[in-house]
């Protein structure tokens, strides 16, 4: 086993390299999603503060506050769904990688040995 690793370290480390690439890609995607969510929430909060600043009726302000709370809740739910989908994508890619890494040695082990001529 050690001799195979020493002969072809690139092939031996390929699953680990691919896993690292999956992790980096998913981390970048999650960071972009979070940054977009934060910017969106900040913009919505500023707009809401401007709206409330121009109101003099307490009942209208209360209704505006309720609407904003519902909107924030929906945005949060949408962001959570998107991140869940992203993490599921990462899980699927990782499972596929591990299945391939496990199947490859098994296939080689079960393959008929070639006879030397």
PDB file of N, CA and C in Angstrom:
ATOM      1  N   UNK A   1       0.823  -1.189   0.000  1.00  0.00           N
ATOM      2  CA  UNK A   1       0.000   0.000   0.000  1.00  0.00           C
ATOM      3  C   UNK A   1       0.874   1.261   0.000  1.00  0.00           C
ATOM      4  N   UNK A   2       1.897   1.255   0.831  1.00  0.00           N
ATOM      5  CA  UNK A   2       2.767   2.427   0.901  1.00  0.00           C
ATOM      6  C   UNK A   2       3.544   2.626  -0.393  1.00  0.00           C
ATOM      7  N   UNK A   3       3.881   1.518  -1.041  1.00  0.00           N
ATOM      8  CA  UNK A   3       4.616   1.636  -2.292  1.00  0.00           C
ATOM      9  C   UNK A   3       3.764   2.286  -3.381  1.00  0.00           C
ATOM     10  N   UNK A   4       2.457   2.011  -3.398  1.00  0.00           N
ATOM     11  CA  UNK A   4       1.568   2.638  -4.376  1.00  0.00           C
ATOM     12  C   UNK A   4       1.459   4.140  -4.109  1.00  0.00           C
ATOM     13  N   UNK A   5       1.413   4.520  -2.843  1.00  0.00           N
ATOM     14  CA  UNK A   5       1.321   5.939  -2.496  1.00  0.00           C
ATOM     15  C   UNK A   5       2.594   6.661  -2.911  1.00  0.00           C
ATOM     16  N   UNK A   6       3.728   6.020  -2.706  1.00  0.00           N
ATOM     17  CA  UNK A   6       5.005   6.642  -3.045  1.00  0.00           C
ATOM     18  C   UNK A   6       5.186   6.750  -4.557  1.00  0.00           C
ATOM     19  N   UNK A   7       4.654   5.798  -5.297  1.00  0.00           N
ATOM     20  CA  UNK A   7       4.810   5.807  -6.745  1.00  0.00           C
ATOM     21  C   UNK A   7       3.977   6.912  -7.389  1.00  0.00           C
ATOM     22  N   UNK A   8       2.727   7.051  -6.960  1.00  0.00           N
ATOM     23  CA  UNK A   8       1.832   8.016  -7.597  1.00  0.00           C
ATOM     24  C   UNK A   8       1.084   8.833  -6.548  1.00  0.00           C
ATOM     25  N   UNK A   9       1.773   9.787  -5.908  1.00  0.00           N
ATOM     26  CA  UNK A   9       1.095  10.570  -4.862  1.00  0.00           C
ATOM     27  C   UNK A   9      -0.029  11.445  -5.407  1.00  0.00           C
ATOM     28  N   UNK A  10       0.075  11.894  -6.660  1.00  0.00           N
ATOM     29  CA  UNK A  10      -0.990  12.722  -7.237  1.00  0.00           C
ATOM     30  C   UNK A  10      -2.297  11.943  -7.292  1.00  0.00           C
ATOM     31  N   UNK A  11      -2.240  10.705  -7.740  1.00  0.00           N
ATOM     32  CA  UNK A  11      -3.457   9.889  -7.822  1.00  0.00           C
ATOM     33  C   UNK A  11      -3.972   9.556  -6.430  1.00  0.00           C
ATOM     34  N   UNK A  12      -3.061   9.325  -5.502  1.00  0.00           N
ATOM     35  CA  UNK A  12      -3.464   8.971  -4.139  1.00  0.00           C
ATOM     36  C   UNK A  12      -4.122  10.147  -3.429  1.00  0.00           C
ATOM     37  N   UNK A  13      -3.655  11.344  -3.701  1.00  0.00           N
ATOM     38  CA  UNK A  13      -4.187  12.535  -3.039  1.00  0.00           C
ATOM     39  C   UNK A  13      -5.330  13.195  -3.802  1.00  0.00           C
ATOM     40  N   UNK A  14      -5.676  12.664  -4.961  1.00  0.00           N
ATOM     41  CA  UNK A  14      -6.714  13.286  -5.784  1.00  0.00           C
ATOM     42  C   UNK A  14      -8.040  13.460  -5.037  1.00  0.00           C
ATOM     43  N   UNK A  15      -8.545  12.443  -4.312  1.00  0.00           N
ATOM     44  CA  UNK A  15      -9.805  12.660  -3.581  1.00  0.00           C
ATOM     45  C   UNK A  15      -9.702  13.760  -2.527  1.00  0.00           C
ATOM     46  N   UNK A  16      -8.577  13.848  -1.843  1.00  0.00           N
ATOM     47  CA  UNK A  16      -8.400  14.885  -0.822  1.00  0.00           C
ATOM     48  C   UNK A  16      -8.344  16.267  -1.468  1.00  0.00           C
ATOM     49  N   UNK A  17      -7.693  16.361  -2.619  1.00  0.00           N
ATOM     50  CA  UNK A  17      -7.619  17.636  -3.332  1.00  0.00           C
ATOM     51  C   UNK A  17      -9.003  18.044  -3.826  1.00  0.00           C
ATOM     52  N   UNK A  18      -9.752  17.096  -4.365  1.00  0.00           N
ATOM     53  CA  UNK A  18     -11.107  17.388  -4.840  1.00  0.00           C
ATOM     54  C   UNK A  18     -12.018  17.803  -3.683  1.00  0.00           C
ATOM     55  N   UNK A  19     -11.860  17.152  -2.531  1.00  0.00           N
ATOM     56  CA  UNK A  19     -12.651  17.517  -1.352  1.00  0.00           C
ATOM     57  C   UNK A  19     -12.332  18.943  -0.911  1.00  0.00           C
ATOM     58  N   UNK A  20     -11.068  19.303  -0.928  1.00  0.00           N
ATOM     59  CA  UNK A  20     -10.677  20.665  -0.570  1.00  0.00           C
ATOM     60  C   UNK A  20     -11.268  21.673  -1.554  1.00  0.00           C
ATOM     61  N   UNK A  21     -11.288  21.324  -2.832  1.00  0.00           N
ATOM     62  CA  UNK A  21     -11.869  22.211  -3.842  1.00  0.00           C
ATOM     63  C   UNK A  21     -13.373  22.376  -3.629  1.00  0.00           C
ATOM     64  N   UNK A  22     -14.054  21.292  -3.261  1.00  0.00           N
ATOM     65  CA  UNK A  22     -15.491  21.363  -2.958  1.00  0.00           C
ATOM     66  C   UNK A  22     -15.713  22.293  -1.770  1.00  0.00           C
ATOM     67  N   UNK A  23     -14.929  22.114  -0.723  1.00  0.00           N
ATOM     68  CA  UNK A  23     -15.071  22.940   0.482  1.00  0.00           C
ATOM     69  C   UNK A  23     -14.820  24.416   0.199  1.00  0.00           C
ATOM     70  N   UNK A  24     -13.797  24.706  -0.573  1.00  0.00           N
ATOM     71  CA  UNK A  24     -13.481  26.102  -0.899  1.00  0.00           C
ATOM     72  C   UNK A  24     -14.609  26.714  -1.727  1.00  0.00           C
ATOM     73  N   UNK A  25     -15.093  25.976  -2.711  1.00  0.00           N
ATOM     74  CA  UNK A  25     -16.166  26.482  -3.558  1.00  0.00           C
ATOM     75  C   UNK A  25     -17.440  26.747  -2.774  1.00  0.00           C
ATOM     76  N   UNK A  26     -17.800  25.843  -1.899  1.00  0.00           N
ATOM     77  CA  UNK A  26     -19.020  26.009  -1.102  1.00  0.00           C
ATOM     78  C   UNK A  26     -18.843  27.149  -0.101  1.00  0.00           C
ATOM     79  N   UNK A  27     -17.666  27.251   0.505  1.00  0.00           N
ATOM     80  CA  UNK A  27     -17.426  28.342   1.449  1.00  0.00           C
ATOM     81  C   UNK A  27     -17.547  29.699   0.743  1.00  0.00           C
ATOM     82  N   UNK A  28     -16.984  29.804  -0.448  1.00  0.00           N
ATOM     83  CA  UNK A  28     -17.094  31.056  -1.209  1.00  0.00           C
ATOM     84  C   UNK A  28     -18.551  31.374  -1.533  1.00  0.00           C
ATOM     85  N   UNK A  29     -19.289  30.359  -1.925  1.00  0.00           N
ATOM     86  CA  UNK A  29     -20.700  30.557  -2.270  1.00  0.00           C
ATOM     87  C   UNK A  29     -21.507  30.999  -1.041  1.00  0.00           C
ATOM     88  N   UNK A  30     -21.242  30.380   0.106  1.00  0.00           N
ATOM     89  CA  UNK A  30     -21.948  30.751   1.340  1.00  0.00           C
ATOM     90  C   UNK A  30     -21.603  32.173   1.775  1.00  0.00           C
ATOM     91  N   UNK A  31     -20.342  32.549   1.643  1.00  0.00           N
ATOM     92  CA  UNK A  31     -19.923  33.908   2.014  1.00  0.00           C
ATOM     93  C   UNK A  31     -20.610  34.930   1.111  1.00  0.00           C
ATOM     94  N   UNK A  32     -20.691  34.634  -0.188  1.00  0.00           N
ATOM     95  CA  UNK A  32     -21.365  35.547  -1.116  1.00  0.00           C
ATOM     96  C   UNK A  32     -22.850  35.670  -0.764  1.00  0.00           C
ATOM     97  N   UNK A  33     -23.474  34.547  -0.428  1.00  0.00           N
ATOM     98  CA  UNK A  33     -24.887  34.579  -0.053  1.00  0.00           C
ATOM     99  C   UNK A  33     -25.095  35.411   1.210  1.00  0.00           C
ATOM    100  N   UNK A  34     -24.238  35.206   2.198  1.00  0.00           N
ATOM    101  CA  UNK A  34     -24.361  35.960   3.451  1.00  0.00           C
ATOM    102  C   UNK A  34     -24.130  37.444   3.219  1.00  0.00           C
ATOM    103  N   UNK A  35     -23.133  37.770   2.416  1.00  0.00           N
ATOM    104  CA  UNK A  35     -22.858  39.186   2.133  1.00  0.00           C
ATOM    105  C   UNK A  35     -24.051  39.829   1.431  1.00  0.00           C
ATOM    106  N   UNK A  36     -24.622  39.123   0.489  1.00  0.00           N
ATOM    107  CA  UNK A  36     -25.804  39.638  -0.197  1.00  0.00           C
ATOM    108  C   UNK A  36     -26.971  39.819   0.754  1.00  0.00           C
ATOM    109  N   UNK A  37     -27.134  38.888   1.660  1.00  0.00           N
ATOM    110  CA  UNK A  37     -28.223  38.973   2.638  1.00  0.00           C
ATOM    111  C   UNK A  37     -28.021  40.172   3.566  1.00  0.00           C
ATOM    112  N   UNK A  38     -26.806  40.381   4.032  1.00  0.00           N
ATOM    113  CA  UNK A  38     -26.522  41.500   4.938  1.00  0.00           C
ATOM    114  C   UNK A  38     -26.770  42.831   4.234  1.00  0.00           C
ATOM    115  N   UNK A  39     -26.291  42.957   3.008  1.00  0.00           N
ATOM    116  CA  UNK A  39     -26.508  44.201   2.249  1.00  0.00           C
ATOM    117  C   UNK A  39     -27.997  44.432   2.032  1.00  0.00           C
ATOM    118  N   UNK A  40     -28.712  43.388   1.657  1.00  0.00           N
ATOM    119  CA  UNK A  40     -30.155  43.485   1.436  1.00  0.00           C
ATOM    120  C   UNK A  40     -30.877  43.915   2.720  1.00  0.00           C
ATOM    121  N   UNK A  41     -30.497  43.332   3.843  1.00  0.00           N
ATOM    122  CA  UNK A  41     -31.141  43.674   5.116  1.00  0.00           C
ATOM    123  C   UNK A  41     -30.814  45.108   5.542  1.00  0.00           C
ATOM    124  N   UNK A  42     -29.585  45.531   5.324  1.00  0.00           N
ATOM    125  CA  UNK A  42     -29.217  46.908   5.667  1.00  0.00           C
ATOM    126  C   UNK A  42     -30.006  47.906   4.816  1.00  0.00           C
ATOM    127  N   UNK A  43     -30.107  47.634   3.532  1.00  0.00           N
ATOM    128  CA  UNK A  43     -30.876  48.529   2.654  1.00  0.00           C
ATOM    129  C   UNK A  43     -32.348  48.558   3.059  1.00  0.00           C
ATOM    130  N   UNK A  44     -32.916  47.405   3.364  1.00  0.00           N
ATOM    131  CA  UNK A  44     -34.319  47.352   3.779  1.00  0.00           C
ATOM    132  C   UNK A  44     -34.517  48.090   5.098  1.00  0.00           C
ATOM    133  N   UNK A  45     -33.572  47.964   6.023  1.00  0.00           N
ATOM    134  CA  UNK A  45     -33.680  48.643   7.312  1.00  0.00           C
ATOM    135  C   UNK A  45     -33.610  50.162   7.154  1.00  0.00           C
ATOM    136  N   UNK A  46     -32.727  50.631   6.283  1.00  0.00           N
ATOM    137  CA  UNK A  46     -32.614  52.066   6.039  1.00  0.00           C
ATOM    138  C   UNK A  46     -33.906  52.598   5.423  1.00  0.00           C
ATOM    139  N   UNK A  47     -34.426  51.894   4.430  1.00  0.00           N
ATOM    140  CA  UNK A  47     -35.683  52.310   3.802  1.00  0.00           C
ATOM    141  C   UNK A  47     -36.829  52.322   4.816  1.00  0.00           C
ATOM    142  N   UNK A  48     -36.849  51.323   5.666  1.00  0.00           N
ATOM    143  CA  UNK A  48     -37.911  51.252   6.681  1.00  0.00           C
ATOM    144  C   UNK A  48     -37.771  52.401   7.689  1.00  0.00           C
ATOM    145  N   UNK A  49     -36.553  52.707   8.072  1.00  0.00           N
ATOM    146  CA  UNK A  49     -36.338  53.818   9.012  1.00  0.00           C
ATOM    147  C   UNK A  49     -36.783  55.138   8.387  1.00  0.00           C
ATOM    148  N   UNK A  50     -36.507  55.325   7.098  1.00  0.00           N
ATOM    149  CA  UNK A  50     -36.960  56.542   6.406  1.00  0.00           C
ATOM    150  C   UNK A  50     -38.481  56.600   6.387  1.00  0.00           C
ATOM    151  N   UNK A  51     -39.103  55.460   6.112  1.00  0.00           N
ATOM    152  CA  UNK A  51     -40.567  55.401   6.083  1.00  0.00           C
ATOM    153  C   UNK A  51     -41.154  55.745   7.444  1.00  0.00           C
ATOM    154  N   UNK A  52     -40.598  55.158   8.500  1.00  0.00           N
ATOM    155  CA  UNK A  52     -41.104  55.426   9.849  1.00  0.00           C
ATOM    156  C   UNK A  52     -40.849  56.874  10.267  1.00  0.00           C
ATOM    157  N   UNK A  53     -39.745  57.428   9.818  1.00  0.00           N
ATOM    158  CA  UNK A  53     -39.413  58.810  10.168  1.00  0.00           C
ATOM    159  C   UNK A  53     -40.423  59.821   9.637  1.00  0.00           C
ATOM    160  N   UNK A  54     -41.076  59.476   8.544  1.00  0.00           N
ATOM    161  CA  UNK A  54     -42.046  60.384   7.959  1.00  0.00           C
ATOM    162  C   UNK A  54     -43.469  60.167   8.454  1.00  0.00           C
ATOM    163  N   UNK A  55     -43.672  59.216   9.367  1.00  0.00           N
ATOM    164  CA  UNK A  55     -45.027  58.924   9.849  1.00  0.00           C
ATOM    165  C   UNK A  55     -45.307  59.641  11.160  1.00  0.00           C
ATOM    166  N   UNK A  56     -46.541  60.105  11.272  1.00  0.00           N
ATOM    167  CA  UNK A  56     -46.948  60.739  12.528  1.00  0.00           C
ATOM    168  C   UNK A  56     -48.062  59.959  13.214  1.00  0.00           C
ATOM    169  N   UNK A  57     -48.683  59.046  12.492  1.00  0.00           N
ATOM    170  CA  UNK A  57     -49.761  58.235  13.043  1.00  0.00           C
ATOM    171  C   UNK A  57     -49.175  56.956  13.645  1.00  0.00           C
ATOM    172  N   UNK A  58     -49.436  56.726  14.920  1.00  0.00           N
ATOM    173  CA  UNK A  58     -48.901  55.560  15.628  1.00  0.00           C
ATOM    174  C   UNK A  58     -49.455  54.261  15.054  1.00  0.00           C
ATOM    175  N   UNK A  59     -50.714  54.222  14.693  1.00  0.00           N
ATOM    176  CA  UNK A  59     -51.314  53.002  14.143  1.00  0.00           C
ATOM    177  C   UNK A  59     -50.673  52.642  12.799  1.00  0.00           C
ATOM    178  N   UNK A  60     -50.440  53.639  11.954  1.00  0.00           N
ATOM    179  CA  UNK A  60     -49.802  53.389  10.658  1.00  0.00           C
ATOM    180  C   UNK A  60     -48.353  52.932  10.860  1.00  0.00           C
ATOM    181  N   UNK A  61     -47.674  53.526  11.829  1.00  0.00           N
ATOM    182  CA  UNK A  61     -46.302  53.126  12.126  1.00  0.00           C
ATOM    183  C   UNK A  61     -46.255  51.692  12.636  1.00  0.00           C
ATOM    184  N   UNK A  62     -47.228  51.339  13.470  1.00  0.00           N
ATOM    185  CA  UNK A  62     -47.298  49.972  13.992  1.00  0.00           C
ATOM    186  C   UNK A  62     -47.523  48.977  12.852  1.00  0.00           C
ATOM    187  N   UNK A  63     -48.430  49.304  11.927  1.00  0.00           N
ATOM    188  CA  UNK A  63     -48.682  48.423  10.784  1.00  0.00           C
ATOM    189  C   UNK A  63     -47.452  48.316   9.885  1.00  0.00           C
ATOM    190  N   UNK A  64     -46.772  49.428   9.689  1.00  0.00           N
ATOM    191  CA  UNK A  64     -45.543  49.409   8.886  1.00  0.00           C
ATOM    192  C   UNK A  64     -44.483  48.540   9.552  1.00  0.00           C
ATOM    193  N   UNK A  65     -44.411  48.615  10.875  1.00  0.00           N
ATOM    194  CA  UNK A  65     -43.451  47.805  11.626  1.00  0.00           C
ATOM    195  C   UNK A  65     -43.793  46.323  11.497  1.00  0.00           C
ATOM    196  N   UNK A  66     -45.076  45.990  11.557  1.00  0.00           N
ATOM    197  CA  UNK A  66     -45.489  44.594  11.394  1.00  0.00           C
ATOM    198  C   UNK A  66     -45.146  44.085   9.990  1.00  0.00           C
ATOM    199  N   UNK A  67     -45.422  44.909   8.996  1.00  0.00           N
ATOM    200  CA  UNK A  67     -45.090  44.523   7.627  1.00  0.00           C
ATOM    201  C   UNK A  67     -43.595  44.310   7.448  1.00  0.00           C
ATOM    202  N   UNK A  68     -42.811  45.187   8.052  1.00  0.00           N
ATOM    203  CA  UNK A  68     -41.354  45.044   7.971  1.00  0.00           C
ATOM    204  C   UNK A  68     -40.902  43.752   8.656  1.00  0.00           C
ATOM    205  N   UNK A  69     -41.488  43.446   9.799  1.00  0.00           N
ATOM    206  CA  UNK A  69     -41.131  42.217  10.510  1.00  0.00           C
ATOM    207  C   UNK A  69     -41.467  40.984   9.668  1.00  0.00           C
ATOM    208  N   UNK A  70     -42.620  40.991   9.014  1.00  0.00           N
ATOM    209  CA  UNK A  70     -42.985  39.866   8.143  1.00  0.00           C
ATOM    210  C   UNK A  70     -42.004  39.758   6.976  1.00  0.00           C
ATOM    211  N   UNK A  71     -41.647  40.902   6.408  1.00  0.00           N
ATOM    212  CA  UNK A  71     -40.707  40.927   5.292  1.00  0.00           C
ATOM    213  C   UNK A  71     -39.338  40.390   5.712  1.00  0.00           C
ATOM    214  N   UNK A  72     -38.881  40.802   6.872  1.00  0.00           N
ATOM    215  CA  UNK A  72     -37.591  40.319   7.381  1.00  0.00           C
ATOM    216  C   UNK A  72     -37.651  38.812   7.608  1.00  0.00           C
ATOM    217  N   UNK A  73     -38.748  38.348   8.172  1.00  0.00           N
ATOM    218  CA  UNK A  73     -38.906  36.906   8.393  1.00  0.00           C
ATOM    219  C   UNK A  73     -38.874  36.129   7.090  1.00  0.00           C
ATOM    220  N   UNK A  74     -39.532  36.653   6.062  1.00  0.00           N
ATOM    221  CA  UNK A  74     -39.537  35.984   4.760  1.00  0.00           C
ATOM    222  C   UNK A  74     -38.147  35.992   4.134  1.00  0.00           C
ATOM    223  N   UNK A  75     -37.461  37.125   4.249  1.00  0.00           N
ATOM    224  CA  UNK A  75     -36.094  37.201   3.711  1.00  0.00           C
ATOM    225  C   UNK A  75     -35.176  36.212   4.419  1.00  0.00           C
ATOM    226  N   UNK A  76     -35.344  36.108   5.725  1.00  0.00           N
ATOM    227  CA  UNK A  76     -34.530  35.165   6.489  1.00  0.00           C
ATOM    228  C   UNK A  76     -34.834  33.731   6.058  1.00  0.00           C
ATOM    229  N   UNK A  77     -36.113  33.406   5.886  1.00  0.00           N
ATOM    230  CA  UNK A  77     -36.499  32.060   5.451  1.00  0.00           C
ATOM    231  C   UNK A  77     -35.938  31.758   4.056  1.00  0.00           C
ATOM    232  N   UNK A  78     -36.000  32.735   3.154  1.00  0.00           N
ATOM    233  CA  UNK A  78     -35.457  32.545   1.810  1.00  0.00           C
ATOM    234  C   UNK A  78     -33.949  32.323   1.842  1.00  0.00           C
ATOM    235  N   UNK A  79     -33.255  33.099   2.681  1.00  0.00           N
ATOM    236  CA  UNK A  79     -31.803  32.947   2.804  1.00  0.00           C
ATOM    237  C   UNK A  79     -31.450  31.590   3.392  1.00  0.00           C
ATOM    238  N   UNK A  80     -32.206  31.158   4.400  1.00  0.00           N
ATOM    239  CA  UNK A  80     -31.950  29.853   5.017  1.00  0.00           C
ATOM    240  C   UNK A  80     -32.179  28.732   4.002  1.00  0.00           C
ATOM    241  N   UNK A  81     -33.219  28.844   3.205  1.00  0.00           N
ATOM    242  CA  UNK A  81     -33.500  27.830   2.182  1.00  0.00           C
ATOM    243  C   UNK A  81     -32.370  27.775   1.163  1.00  0.00           C
ATOM    244  N   UNK A  82     -31.904  28.932   0.729  1.00  0.00           N
ATOM    245  CA  UNK A  82     -30.817  28.991  -0.240  1.00  0.00           C
ATOM    246  C   UNK A  82     -29.535  28.384   0.327  1.00  0.00           C
ATOM    247  N   UNK A  83     -29.240  28.680   1.581  1.00  0.00           N
ATOM    248  CA  UNK A  83     -28.040  28.119   2.195  1.00  0.00           C
ATOM    249  C   UNK A  83     -28.176  26.619   2.420  1.00  0.00           C
ATOM    250  N   UNK A  84     -29.372  26.174   2.753  1.00  0.00           N
ATOM    251  CA  UNK A  84     -29.603  24.736   2.905  1.00  0.00           C
ATOM    252  C   UNK A  84     -29.374  24.030   1.575  1.00  0.00           C
ATOM    253  N   UNK A  85     -29.866  24.621   0.494  1.00  0.00           N
ATOM    254  CA  UNK A  85     -29.645  24.037  -0.829  1.00  0.00           C
ATOM    255  C   UNK A  85     -28.158  23.986  -1.173  1.00  0.00           C
ATOM    256  N   UNK A  86     -27.440  25.024  -0.808  1.00  0.00           N
ATOM    257  CA  UNK A  86     -26.000  25.068  -1.061  1.00  0.00           C
ATOM    258  C   UNK A  86     -25.280  23.982  -0.260  1.00  0.00           C
ATOM    259  N   UNK A  87     -25.650  23.828   0.997  1.00  0.00           N
ATOM    260  CA  UNK A  87     -25.019  22.797   1.826  1.00  0.00           C
ATOM    261  C   UNK A  87     -25.396  21.390   1.345  1.00  0.00           C
ATOM    262  N   UNK A  88     -26.606  21.232   0.854  1.00  0.00           N
ATOM    263  CA  UNK A  88     -27.015  19.941   0.294  1.00  0.00           C
ATOM    264  C   UNK A  88     -26.202  19.636  -0.961  1.00  0.00           C
ATOM    265  N   UNK A  89     -25.953  20.652  -1.758  1.00  0.00           N
ATOM    266  CA  UNK A  89     -25.113  20.495  -2.949  1.00  0.00           C
ATOM    267  C   UNK A  89     -23.707  20.024  -2.547  1.00  0.00           C
ATOM    268  N   UNK A  90     -23.174  20.604  -1.489  1.00  0.00           N
ATOM    269  CA  UNK A  90     -21.850  20.212  -1.004  1.00  0.00           C
ATOM    270  C   UNK A  90     -21.859  18.781  -0.499  1.00  0.00           C
ATOM    271  N   UNK A  91     -22.911  18.423   0.230  1.00  0.00           N
ATOM    272  CA  UNK A  91     -23.023  17.052   0.746  1.00  0.00           C
ATOM    273  C   UNK A  91     -23.083  16.054  -0.393  1.00  0.00           C
ATOM    274  N   UNK A  92     -23.880  16.352  -1.418  1.00  0.00           N
ATOM    275  CA  UNK A  92     -24.007  15.453  -2.558  1.00  0.00           C
ATOM    276  C   UNK A  92     -22.683  15.289  -3.297  1.00  0.00           C
ATOM    277  N   UNK A  93     -21.982  16.394  -3.492  1.00  0.00           N
ATOM    278  CA  UNK A  93     -20.681  16.329  -4.169  1.00  0.00           C
ATOM    279  C   UNK A  93     -19.679  15.530  -3.346  1.00  0.00           C
ATOM    280  N   UNK A  94     -19.710  15.699  -2.035  1.00  0.00           N
ATOM    281  CA  UNK A  94     -18.801  14.960  -1.158  1.00  0.00           C
ATOM    282  C   UNK A  94     -19.129  13.475  -1.163  1.00  0.00           C
ATOM    283  N   UNK A  95     -20.401  13.141  -1.091  1.00  0.00           N
ATOM    284  CA  UNK A  95     -20.790  11.724  -1.139  1.00  0.00           C
ATOM    285  C   UNK A  95     -20.374  11.087  -2.458  1.00  0.00           C
ATOM    286  N   UNK A  96     -20.578  11.799  -3.547  1.00  0.00           N
ATOM    287  CA  UNK A  96     -20.184  11.280  -4.857  1.00  0.00           C
ATOM    288  C   UNK A  96     -18.672  11.051  -4.906  1.00  0.00           C
ATOM    289  N   UNK A  97     -17.933  11.982  -4.339  1.00  0.00           N
ATOM    290  CA  UNK A  97     -16.479  11.862  -4.302  1.00  0.00           C
ATOM    291  C   UNK A  97     -16.050  10.639  -3.501  1.00  0.00           C
ATOM    292  N   UNK A  98     -16.642  10.456  -2.315  1.00  0.00           N
ATOM    293  CA  UNK A  98     -16.272   9.323  -1.479  1.00  0.00           C
ATOM    294  C   UNK A  98     -16.708   7.997  -2.086  1.00  0.00           C
ATOM    295  N   UNK A  99     -17.876   7.973  -2.707  1.00  0.00           N
ATOM    296  CA  UNK A  99     -18.314   6.749  -3.371  1.00  0.00           C
ATOM    297  C   UNK A  99     -17.340   6.364  -4.476  1.00  0.00           C
ATOM    298  N   UNK A 100     -16.908   7.353  -5.244  1.00  0.00           N
ATOM    299  CA  UNK A 100     -15.931   7.090  -6.300  1.00  0.00           C
ATOM    300  C   UNK A 100     -14.597   6.633  -5.741  1.00  0.00           C
ATOM    301  N   UNK A 101     -14.181   7.233  -4.637  1.00  0.00           N
ATOM    302  CA  UNK A 101     -12.902   6.857  -4.024  1.00  0.00           C
ATOM    303  C   UNK A 101     -12.948   5.446  -3.461  1.00  0.00           C
ATOM    304  N   UNK A 102     -14.110   5.030  -2.977  1.00  0.00           N
ATOM    305  CA  UNK A 102     -14.242   3.674  -2.421  1.00  0.00           C
ATOM    306  C   UNK A 102     -14.406   2.659  -3.546  1.00  0.00           C
ATOM    307  N   UNK A 103     -15.171   2.995  -4.573  1.00  0.00           N
ATOM    308  CA  UNK A 103     -15.426   2.066  -5.668  1.00  0.00           C
ATOM    309  C   UNK A 103     -14.185   1.801  -6.508  1.00  0.00           C
ATOM    310  N   UNK A 104     -13.343   2.792  -6.662  1.00  0.00           N
ATOM    311  CA  UNK A 104     -12.162   2.645  -7.508  1.00  0.00           C
ATOM    312  C   UNK A 104     -11.226   1.531  -7.013  1.00  0.00           C
ATOM    313  N   UNK A 105     -10.841   1.509  -5.732  1.00  0.00           N
ATOM    314  CA  UNK A 105      -9.985   0.405  -5.268  1.00  0.00           C
ATOM    315  C   UNK A 105     -10.702  -0.941  -5.301  1.00  0.00           C
ATOM    316  N   UNK A 106     -12.010  -0.940  -5.034  1.00  0.00           N
ATOM    317  CA  UNK A 106     -12.756  -2.199  -5.076  1.00  0.00           C
ATOM    318  C   UNK A 106     -12.811  -2.754  -6.487  1.00  0.00           C
ATOM    319  N   UNK A 107     -13.002  -1.886  -7.466  1.00  0.00           N
ATOM    320  CA  UNK A 107     -13.052  -2.317  -8.859  1.00  0.00           C
ATOM    321  C   UNK A 107     -11.697  -2.877  -9.289  1.00  0.00           C
ATOM    322  N   UNK A 108     -10.633  -2.219  -8.842  1.00  0.00           N
ATOM    323  CA  UNK A 108      -9.284  -2.679  -9.195  1.00  0.00           C
ATOM    324  C   UNK A 108      -8.997  -4.024  -8.528  1.00  0.00           C
ATOM    325  N   UNK A 109      -9.469  -4.197  -7.321  1.00  0.00           N
ATOM    326  CA  UNK A 109      -9.240  -5.424  -6.567  1.00  0.00           C
ATOM    327  C   UNK A 109     -10.014  -6.590  -7.186  1.00  0.00           C
ATOM    328  N   UNK A 110     -11.222  -6.326  -7.660  1.00  0.00           N
ATOM    329  CA  UNK A 110     -12.078  -7.368  -8.208  1.00  0.00           C
ATOM    330  C   UNK A 110     -11.844  -7.607  -9.691  1.00  0.00           C
ATOM    331  N   UNK A 111     -11.051  -6.781 -10.344  1.00  0.00           N
ATOM    332  CA  UNK A 111     -10.775  -6.959 -11.765  1.00  0.00           C
ATOM    333  C   UNK A 111      -9.888  -8.172 -11.957  1.00  0.00           C
ATOM    334  N   UNK A 112     -10.131  -8.920 -13.027  1.00  0.00           N
ATOM    335  CA  UNK A 112      -9.278 -10.097 -13.278  1.00  0.00           C
ATOM    336  C   UNK A 112      -7.833  -9.666 -13.539  1.00  0.00           C
ATOM    337  N   UNK A 113      -6.918 -10.410 -12.996  1.00  0.00           N
ATOM    338  CA  UNK A 113      -5.493 -10.099 -13.154  1.00  0.00           C
ATOM    339  C   UNK A 113      -5.057 -10.383 -14.582  1.00  0.00           C
ATOM    340  N   UNK A 114      -4.267  -9.480 -15.139  1.00  0.00           N
ATOM    341  CA  UNK A 114      -3.756  -9.678 -16.488  1.00  0.00           C
ATOM    342  C   UNK A 114      -2.580 -10.635 -16.434  1.00  0.00           C
ATOM    343  N   UNK A 115      -2.587 -11.588 -17.345  1.00  0.00           N
ATOM    344  CA  UNK A 115      -1.505 -12.567 -17.381  1.00  0.00           C
ATOM    345  C   UNK A 115      -0.350 -12.026 -18.205  1.00  0.00           C
ATOM    346  N   UNK A 116       0.850 -12.210 -17.671  1.00  0.00           N
ATOM    347  CA  UNK A 116       2.049 -11.784 -18.389  1.00  0.00           C
ATOM    348  C   UNK A 116       2.349 -12.780 -19.496  1.00  0.00           C
ATOM    349  N   UNK A 117       2.729 -12.306 -20.665  1.00  0.00           N
ATOM    350  CA  UNK A 117       2.978 -13.197 -21.810  1.00  0.00           C
ATOM    351  C   UNK A 117       4.392 -13.661 -21.836  1.00  0.00           C
TER     352      UNK A 117
END
